[in-house]
Amino acid sequence: MVLLEGAKGCGKTWTGLSSARSKMMLDADANDLALARASPRPALSEGPSPKLVDEYQRVPELWNILKGVSDEDRNPGRFILTGSAEKVDDITRHSGAGRLIRVRMRPMSLFETGHSNGTVSLRSLMSGEPAQSGSSEEISLGAWADIVCTGGWPRHLGLASDLAQRLLAAYLNETIKADMPLETGVRRSPAKVMRLLRSCARHTATVATQASLARDTAGDGPAVSRHTVSSYIDAMHRLFVLDDLEGWAPAMRSKSVLRQSPKRHMTDPSLAAAALRVGPGHLLEDLRTLGLLFESLAIRDLRVYAEAHDMSVWHYHDDQNRELDAVVEHPDGRWIAVEIKLGGVPSRLDEAAAALLSVARQAVRHSRRDPPTAHVMLTAFGQRAYRRPDGVDVVPLSQLGP
């Protein structure tokens, strides 16, 4: 079995249908849903394999039946599942180990939407190859604001950013009012959940504590407990709306303490813009917020490219406030230190490169790791990728690919 999981609208169904020979559409077809609830095992047996079971979590008992069917017939590739919400209890009972391959899908990367030519490969950077590319047209600041607000949603390709933002605002409202009660089984205050999402959006690409989020979520009413905030955050993670970046924890030799709080991110920066109710014009008047959302955009793409090669992405932050915006880690222990900058002024790049090299050296000194195979600075501007004399690779995000 293959499980495609991720936020609604990111392309899971289309991807599953492209390989399936039969289908059971539990979210879009009332007859399929009724049949799956009434006679789940016969419903799964109908049609040739592989069979797509779209939004499988709508019928929770399907998980255990799929496990049993897979045990009876061990031919691989019988089912393709899609899911827009994690069913924690069922998956905990039968994890699918040995039967299931999970594929996390996110909104499309810039390489997939055509905003990046992909001439600089993340895999080649991991191998230590210097970043180099031919000259290409530079993306303007206004265009980056449009890209951030439109997002990587397949249905938004070609849409104006203002229309995309209206659709995303409706997406968030529907998620809060309909999907949360349906998928988590618990009704929560829509107003407080929306305030939480706005708080997470305000703190995009920062290490904000749950106490900070709780204060924001309270609004004009009574304080919200950290337990309540934690339950809201858990629900939004299960619905793949939030996609926090966890802290990197290499084995440490020294007493230096790493901060393990996650960096706050939504699954696409366009959702953060929609939660904040800001469009491209607002972002161009608030470059700090645009810079944070650009960092979130870069993290989204790094995750897409890294996961294509079984690599993972983290952030690094120690008790002296030394930090790396991203650490890309290979299963064999190799890693890349990444700094993300919206601006491209040479003097600021010099400062950022020096800081990147210093923090990476500190991380090596305090861990049992070899030095990173690359020090990478991802930028919004620039017409080509190149390696600086100090060894830092400067890569426009519009030229990064898998």
Protein backbone atom coordinates (compact mmCIF):
# COMPACT_ATOMS: atom_id res chain seq x y z
CA MET A 1 0.00 0.00 0.00
CA VAL A 2 1.02 3.59 -0.62
CA LEU A 3 -0.43 6.36 1.53
CA LEU A 4 -0.37 9.87 0.07
CA GLU A 5 -1.01 12.28 2.92
CA GLY A 6 -1.08 16.04 3.07
CA ALA A 7 -3.28 19.12 3.10
CA LYS A 8 -6.46 19.23 1.08
CA GLY A 9 -5.90 20.67 -2.37
CA CYS A 10 -2.21 19.81 -2.69
CA GLY A 11 -2.74 17.24 -5.49
CA LYS A 12 -3.03 13.89 -3.71
CA THR A 13 -6.12 12.69 -5.59
CA TRP A 14 -4.73 13.62 -9.01
CA THR A 15 -1.44 11.89 -8.16
CA GLY A 16 -3.26 8.75 -6.98
CA LEU A 17 -5.56 8.65 -10.01
CA SER A 18 -2.58 8.88 -12.36
CA SER A 19 -1.47 5.39 -11.21
CA ALA A 20 -4.77 3.76 -10.13
CA ARG A 21 -6.86 1.35 -12.24
CA SER A 22 -9.97 1.57 -10.04
CA LYS A 23 -11.15 4.01 -7.40
CA MET A 24 -13.31 4.56 -4.34
CA MET A 25 -13.89 8.30 -3.79
CA LEU A 26 -15.00 8.63 -0.18
CA ASP A 27 -14.94 12.44 -0.12
CA ALA A 28 -16.50 13.16 -3.50
CA ASP A 29 -18.95 10.30 -4.09
CA ALA A 30 -21.79 9.72 -1.59
CA ASN A 31 -22.47 6.25 -3.05
CA ASP A 32 -18.86 5.16 -2.56
CA LEU A 33 -18.95 6.47 1.02
CA ALA A 34 -22.21 4.64 1.81
CA LEU A 35 -20.92 1.40 0.28
CA ALA A 36 -17.65 1.60 2.18
CA ARG A 37 -19.52 2.04 5.45
CA ALA A 38 -22.04 -0.73 4.75
CA SER A 39 -19.79 -3.37 3.15
CA PRO A 40 -16.17 -2.24 3.41
CA ARG A 41 -14.44 -5.51 2.52
CA PRO A 42 -16.46 -6.19 -0.69
CA ALA A 43 -16.07 -2.53 -1.67
CA LEU A 44 -12.29 -2.81 -1.42
CA SER A 45 -12.29 -5.98 -3.52
CA GLU A 46 -14.14 -4.48 -6.49
CA GLY A 47 -12.13 -3.42 -9.53
CA PRO A 48 -8.56 -4.02 -10.67
CA SER A 49 -5.45 -3.10 -8.69
CA PRO A 50 -4.07 -0.71 -7.78
CA LYS A 51 -7.27 0.71 -6.30
CA LEU A 52 -7.38 4.30 -5.13
CA VAL A 53 -9.15 4.82 -1.79
CA ASP A 54 -9.49 8.60 -1.65
CA GLU A 55 -9.70 10.17 1.84
CA TYR A 56 -9.62 6.75 3.49
CA GLN A 57 -9.95 8.29 6.97
CA ARG A 58 -13.61 9.12 6.28
CA VAL A 59 -14.34 5.45 7.14
CA PRO A 60 -12.03 4.70 10.10
CA GLU A 61 -12.64 0.93 10.08
CA LEU A 62 -11.09 0.70 6.61
CA TRP A 63 -7.61 0.94 8.10
CA ASN A 64 -7.82 -2.37 9.95
CA ILE A 65 -9.57 -4.06 7.02
CA LEU A 66 -6.87 -2.87 4.62
CA LYS A 67 -4.28 -4.30 6.98
CA GLY A 68 -6.05 -7.67 6.95
CA VAL A 69 -6.48 -7.70 3.18
CA SER A 70 -2.78 -6.90 2.76
CA ASP A 71 -1.87 -9.79 5.06
CA GLU A 72 -4.02 -12.20 3.02
CA ASP A 73 -2.62 -11.12 -0.34
CA ARG A 74 0.99 -10.01 -0.13
CA ASN A 75 1.24 -8.81 -3.71
CA PRO A 76 2.55 -5.24 -3.46
CA GLY A 77 0.79 -2.22 -4.85
CA ARG A 78 -2.83 -3.28 -4.34
CA PHE A 79 -4.00 0.01 -2.83
CA ILE A 80 -3.23 3.69 -3.09
CA LEU A 81 -4.65 5.66 -0.17
CA THR A 82 -4.98 9.40 0.18
CA GLY A 83 -5.58 11.19 3.47
CA SER A 84 -6.03 14.84 4.45
CA ALA A 85 -6.06 14.06 8.17
CA GLU A 86 -4.10 11.71 10.38
CA LYS A 87 -6.24 9.23 12.30
CA VAL A 88 -3.90 8.91 15.23
CA ASP A 89 -5.71 6.18 17.19
CA ASP A 90 -6.17 3.77 14.29
CA ILE A 91 -2.69 4.32 12.94
CA THR A 92 -1.21 3.81 16.39
CA ARG A 93 -3.01 0.47 16.74
CA HIS A 94 -1.77 -0.87 13.43
CA SER A 95 1.06 1.26 12.14
CA GLY A 96 1.22 -0.41 8.76
CA ALA A 97 4.85 -1.40 9.26
CA GLY A 98 5.93 -3.73 6.48
CA ARG A 99 2.72 -3.06 4.54
CA LEU A 100 2.70 0.68 3.91
CA ILE A 101 4.86 3.34 2.29
CA ARG A 102 3.98 6.84 3.42
CA VAL A 103 4.49 9.75 1.05
CA ARG A 104 4.02 13.24 2.47
CA MET A 105 2.74 15.58 -0.21
CA ARG A 106 3.01 19.33 0.08
CA PRO A 107 1.86 22.13 -2.21
CA MET A 108 3.96 22.37 -5.34
CA SER A 109 7.51 23.69 -5.14
CA LEU A 110 8.75 26.58 -7.26
CA PHE A 111 10.40 24.02 -9.57
CA GLU A 112 7.01 22.38 -10.11
CA THR A 113 5.14 25.65 -10.69
CA GLY A 114 7.80 26.88 -13.13
CA HIS A 115 9.14 29.69 -10.93
CA SER A 116 12.49 27.88 -10.54
CA ASN A 117 14.57 26.45 -13.36
CA GLY A 118 16.09 23.87 -11.00
CA THR A 119 19.60 24.22 -12.38
CA VAL A 120 21.15 23.89 -8.90
CA SER A 121 20.36 20.48 -7.45
CA LEU A 122 20.04 19.98 -3.70
CA ARG A 123 21.46 16.50 -4.20
CA SER A 124 24.55 17.91 -5.91
CA LEU A 125 25.02 20.41 -3.08
CA MET A 126 24.85 17.52 -0.60
CA SER A 127 27.61 15.85 -2.59
CA GLY A 128 29.81 18.94 -2.18
CA GLU A 129 29.61 20.13 -5.77
CA PRO A 130 29.91 23.92 -6.07
CA ALA A 131 26.78 25.83 -6.99
CA GLN A 132 26.98 27.17 -10.49
CA SER A 133 24.43 28.14 -13.10
CA GLY A 134 24.02 30.28 -16.14
CA SER A 135 22.41 33.68 -15.98
CA SER A 136 18.62 33.83 -15.76
CA GLU A 137 16.03 36.55 -15.33
CA GLU A 138 15.78 37.85 -11.78
CA ILE A 139 12.40 37.71 -10.01
CA SER A 140 11.31 41.10 -8.71
CA LEU A 141 10.28 41.79 -5.13
CA GLY A 142 6.70 42.36 -6.25
CA ALA A 143 6.67 39.02 -8.05
CA TRP A 144 7.95 37.27 -4.91
CA ALA A 145 5.10 38.84 -2.92
CA ASP A 146 2.64 37.49 -5.51
CA ILE A 147 4.22 34.01 -5.35
CA VAL A 148 4.02 33.98 -1.55
CA CYS A 149 0.34 34.97 -1.58
CA THR A 150 -0.68 32.56 -4.36
CA GLY A 151 1.12 29.51 -3.01
CA GLY A 152 1.84 26.16 -4.59
CA TRP A 153 -1.74 24.93 -4.86
CA PRO A 154 -2.45 23.22 -8.22
CA ARG A 155 -5.84 24.92 -8.56
CA HIS A 156 -4.22 28.34 -8.13
CA LEU A 157 -1.93 28.08 -11.15
CA GLY A 158 -2.58 31.11 -13.29
CA LEU A 159 -4.84 32.83 -10.73
CA ALA A 160 -4.32 36.40 -9.62
CA SER A 161 -2.98 36.58 -6.07
CA ASP A 162 -6.02 38.46 -4.74
CA LEU A 163 -8.39 35.71 -5.94
CA ALA A 164 -6.05 33.04 -4.55
CA GLN A 165 -6.12 34.79 -1.19
CA ARG A 166 -9.93 34.85 -1.12
CA LEU A 167 -9.99 31.12 -1.85
CA LEU A 168 -7.41 30.46 0.87
CA ALA A 169 -9.40 32.48 3.43
CA ALA A 170 -12.40 30.27 2.61
CA TYR A 171 -10.14 27.21 2.88
CA LEU A 172 -9.12 28.16 6.42
CA ASN A 173 -12.71 28.87 7.46
CA GLU A 174 -13.90 25.54 6.08
CA THR A 175 -11.04 23.73 7.81
CA ILE A 176 -11.90 25.29 11.16
CA LYS A 177 -15.69 24.95 11.00
CA ALA A 178 -16.10 21.66 9.14
CA ASP A 179 -12.91 19.61 8.90
CA MET A 180 -11.78 19.94 12.51
CA PRO A 181 -15.02 18.53 14.02
CA LEU A 182 -15.31 15.89 11.27
CA GLU A 183 -11.74 14.62 11.36
CA THR A 184 -10.81 15.08 15.03
CA GLY A 185 -14.21 14.38 16.61
CA VAL A 186 -13.96 17.46 18.84
CA ARG A 187 -15.71 20.81 18.42
CA ARG A 188 -13.55 23.80 19.18
CA SER A 189 -14.21 27.52 19.23
CA PRO A 190 -13.79 28.69 15.60
CA ALA A 191 -12.89 32.21 16.75
CA LYS A 192 -10.12 30.95 19.05
CA VAL A 193 -8.76 28.55 16.45
CA MET A 194 -8.60 31.37 13.90
CA ARG A 195 -6.79 33.56 16.43
CA LEU A 196 -4.33 30.71 16.96
CA LEU A 197 -3.73 30.44 13.22
CA ARG A 198 -3.17 34.19 13.00
CA SER A 199 -0.74 33.96 15.88
CA CYS A 200 1.13 31.13 14.17
CA ALA A 201 1.16 33.21 10.98
CA ARG A 202 2.55 36.25 12.83
CA HIS A 203 5.27 34.02 14.26
CA THR A 204 6.10 32.34 10.95
CA ALA A 205 9.76 31.25 10.81
CA THR A 206 10.32 32.09 14.50
CA VAL A 207 10.63 29.96 17.62
CA ALA A 208 7.42 31.04 19.39
CA THR A 209 6.50 29.24 22.58
CA GLN A 210 3.04 27.88 23.27
CA ALA A 211 2.77 30.44 26.07
CA SER A 212 3.16 33.23 23.47
CA LEU A 213 0.58 31.61 21.24
CA ALA A 214 -1.80 31.22 24.20
CA ARG A 215 -1.60 34.95 24.96
CA ASP A 216 -2.39 35.79 21.35
CA THR A 217 -5.24 33.30 21.19
CA ALA A 218 -6.99 34.73 24.24
CA GLY A 219 -7.92 37.95 22.44
CA ASP A 220 -10.20 40.11 24.59
CA GLY A 221 -11.54 37.12 26.50
CA PRO A 222 -10.13 35.01 29.32
CA ALA A 223 -6.68 33.46 29.00
CA VAL A 224 -6.46 30.23 27.04
CA SER A 225 -4.63 27.39 28.74
CA ARG A 226 -1.49 25.92 27.20
CA HIS A 227 -3.28 22.57 27.15
CA THR A 228 -6.03 24.04 24.97
CA VAL A 229 -3.49 25.68 22.65
CA SER A 230 -1.62 22.39 22.46
CA SER A 231 -4.81 20.57 21.44
CA TYR A 232 -5.53 23.20 18.75
CA ILE A 233 -2.00 22.92 17.39
CA ASP A 234 -2.23 19.13 17.37
CA ALA A 235 -5.49 19.29 15.42
CA MET A 236 -4.00 21.67 12.85
CA HIS A 237 -1.00 19.37 12.45
CA ARG A 238 -3.30 16.40 11.95
CA LEU A 239 -5.09 18.36 9.22
CA PHE A 240 -1.72 19.29 7.66
CA VAL A 241 -2.37 23.03 8.00
CA LEU A 242 0.59 23.58 10.33
CA ASP A 243 3.97 22.16 9.36
CA ASP A 244 6.42 23.22 12.08
CA LEU A 245 10.15 22.71 11.56
CA GLU A 246 11.68 20.72 14.40
CA GLY A 247 15.05 21.49 15.99
CA TRP A 248 18.19 19.59 14.95
CA ALA A 249 19.78 17.57 17.69
CA PRO A 250 23.21 16.22 16.72
CA ALA A 251 25.07 14.28 19.39
CA MET A 252 26.68 16.93 21.58
CA ARG A 253 30.07 16.76 23.34
CA SER A 254 29.79 20.01 25.24
CA LYS A 255 27.31 21.39 27.73
CA SER A 256 25.93 23.75 25.11
CA VAL A 257 22.17 23.46 25.10
CA LEU A 258 20.17 23.27 21.91
CA ARG A 259 16.72 24.82 21.89
CA GLN A 260 14.33 22.15 20.73
CA SER A 261 11.26 24.34 20.24
CA PRO A 262 10.02 24.10 16.66
CA LYS A 263 10.03 26.97 14.22
CA ARG A 264 6.46 27.87 13.33
CA HIS A 265 5.45 27.27 9.73
CA MET A 266 2.22 26.61 7.89
CA THR A 267 2.17 24.02 5.13
CA ASP A 268 2.38 26.86 2.59
CA PRO A 269 3.23 30.53 3.21
CA SER A 270 0.10 31.53 1.31
CA LEU A 271 -1.95 30.18 4.23
CA ALA A 272 -0.04 32.44 6.61
CA ALA A 273 -0.74 35.42 4.34
CA ALA A 274 -4.43 34.47 4.24
CA ALA A 275 -4.59 34.11 8.03
CA LEU A 276 -2.99 37.56 8.42
CA ARG A 277 -5.25 39.00 5.70
CA VAL A 278 -2.32 40.55 3.86
CA GLY A 279 -1.84 40.70 0.12
CA PRO A 280 1.20 41.52 -2.01
CA GLY A 281 0.74 45.27 -1.53
CA HIS A 282 0.76 44.95 2.26
CA LEU A 283 3.85 42.73 2.15
CA LEU A 284 5.76 45.23 0.02
CA GLU A 285 5.11 47.78 2.77
CA ASP A 286 6.30 45.35 5.47
CA LEU A 287 9.52 43.76 4.25
CA ARG A 288 10.18 42.07 7.58
CA THR A 289 6.97 40.02 7.24
CA LEU A 290 7.71 39.37 3.58
CA GLY A 291 11.17 38.15 4.60
CA LEU A 292 9.71 35.69 7.11
CA LEU A 293 7.18 34.38 4.60
CA PHE A 294 9.96 34.08 2.00
CA GLU A 295 11.90 31.98 4.51
CA SER A 296 8.82 29.80 4.96
CA LEU A 297 8.58 29.46 1.16
CA ALA A 298 12.21 28.35 1.03
CA ILE A 299 11.67 25.83 3.84
CA ARG A 300 8.68 24.38 1.97
CA ASP A 301 10.80 23.87 -1.12
CA LEU A 302 13.76 22.47 0.80
CA ARG A 303 11.46 19.88 2.36
CA VAL A 304 10.01 18.89 -1.02
CA TYR A 305 13.45 18.53 -2.61
CA ALA A 306 15.03 16.86 0.42
CA GLU A 307 12.29 14.27 0.88
CA ALA A 308 12.65 13.28 -2.79
CA HIS A 309 16.08 11.93 -1.78
CA ASP A 310 15.12 10.56 1.68
CA MET A 311 16.75 13.55 3.35
CA SER A 312 15.25 15.58 6.19
CA VAL A 313 15.17 19.28 7.09
CA TRP A 314 15.62 20.82 10.56
CA HIS A 315 16.55 24.13 12.14
CA TYR A 316 19.44 24.75 14.55
CA HIS A 317 19.24 27.11 17.54
CA ASP A 318 21.48 26.98 20.60
CA ASP A 319 21.35 28.67 24.00
CA GLN A 320 23.57 31.51 22.77
CA ASN A 321 21.00 32.37 20.07
CA ARG A 322 23.27 31.08 17.34
CA GLU A 323 21.06 29.61 14.65
CA LEU A 324 20.87 28.12 11.20
CA ASP A 325 17.66 28.70 9.27
CA ALA A 326 17.82 25.14 7.98
CA VAL A 327 19.88 21.99 8.27
CA VAL A 328 19.42 19.47 5.47
CA GLU A 329 20.51 16.03 6.70
CA HIS A 330 21.25 12.91 4.66
CA PRO A 331 20.61 9.47 6.22
CA ASP A 332 24.36 8.75 6.05
CA GLY A 333 25.13 11.74 8.29
CA ARG A 334 26.15 14.31 5.71
CA TRP A 335 24.52 17.67 6.14
CA ILE A 336 24.15 21.15 4.66
CA ALA A 337 24.03 24.40 6.64
CA VAL A 338 21.53 26.87 5.15
CA GLU A 339 20.91 30.59 5.62
CA ILE A 340 17.87 32.21 3.94
CA LYS A 341 17.92 35.89 2.97
CA LEU A 342 15.30 37.95 1.19
CA GLY A 343 17.80 40.70 0.32
CA GLY A 344 20.83 40.49 -1.91
CA VAL A 345 22.88 43.58 -1.00
CA PRO A 346 26.58 42.53 -1.17
CA SER A 347 27.49 43.92 2.26
CA ARG A 348 24.57 42.07 3.88
CA LEU A 349 25.53 38.88 2.06
CA ASP A 350 29.06 39.21 3.47
CA GLU A 351 27.68 39.50 7.00
CA ALA A 352 25.29 36.58 6.49
CA ALA A 353 28.02 34.38 5.00
CA ALA A 354 30.35 35.08 7.92
CA ALA A 355 27.58 34.24 10.40
CA LEU A 356 26.69 31.06 8.51
CA LEU A 357 30.29 29.81 8.57
CA SER A 358 30.67 30.71 12.27
CA VAL A 359 27.52 28.93 13.42
CA ALA A 360 28.34 25.86 11.33
CA ARG A 361 31.81 25.69 12.91
CA GLN A 362 30.23 25.97 16.34
CA ALA A 363 27.83 23.13 15.56
CA VAL A 364 30.73 20.95 14.40
CA ARG A 365 32.78 21.81 17.49
CA HIS A 366 29.98 20.79 19.84
CA SER A 367 28.93 17.64 18.02
CA ARG A 368 30.35 14.42 16.69
CA ARG A 369 29.57 15.45 13.12
CA ASP A 370 31.90 16.08 10.23
CA PRO A 371 31.78 19.60 8.77
CA PRO A 372 28.86 20.27 6.42
CA THR A 373 29.34 19.29 2.82
CA ALA A 374 28.05 22.74 1.83
CA HIS A 375 27.25 26.13 3.29
CA VAL A 376 24.33 27.49 1.28
CA MET A 377 22.77 30.92 1.24
CA LEU A 378 19.34 30.95 -0.42
CA THR A 379 18.34 34.38 -1.68
CA ALA A 380 15.40 36.00 -3.44
CA PHE A 381 17.62 37.94 -5.82
CA GLY A 382 20.45 37.22 -8.21
CA GLN A 383 20.72 36.06 -11.79
CA ARG A 384 23.04 33.13 -11.21
CA ALA A 385 24.30 30.75 -8.53
CA TYR A 386 27.97 30.79 -7.57
CA ARG A 387 30.46 29.78 -4.88
CA ARG A 388 32.08 32.63 -2.98
CA PRO A 389 35.82 32.64 -2.17
CA ASP A 390 34.96 31.77 1.45
CA GLY A 391 33.21 28.57 0.26
CA VAL A 392 29.61 29.73 0.73
CA ASP A 393 27.30 28.83 -2.15
CA VAL A 394 24.90 31.66 -3.04
CA VAL A 395 21.81 30.20 -4.73
CA PRO A 396 18.75 32.18 -5.84
CA LEU A 397 15.68 30.21 -4.75
CA SER A 398 14.48 30.56 -8.35
CA GLN A 399 17.33 28.26 -9.42
CA LEU A 400 17.09 25.55 -6.74
CA GLY A 401 15.70 22.11 -7.55
CA PRO A 402 15.79 18.54 -6.29
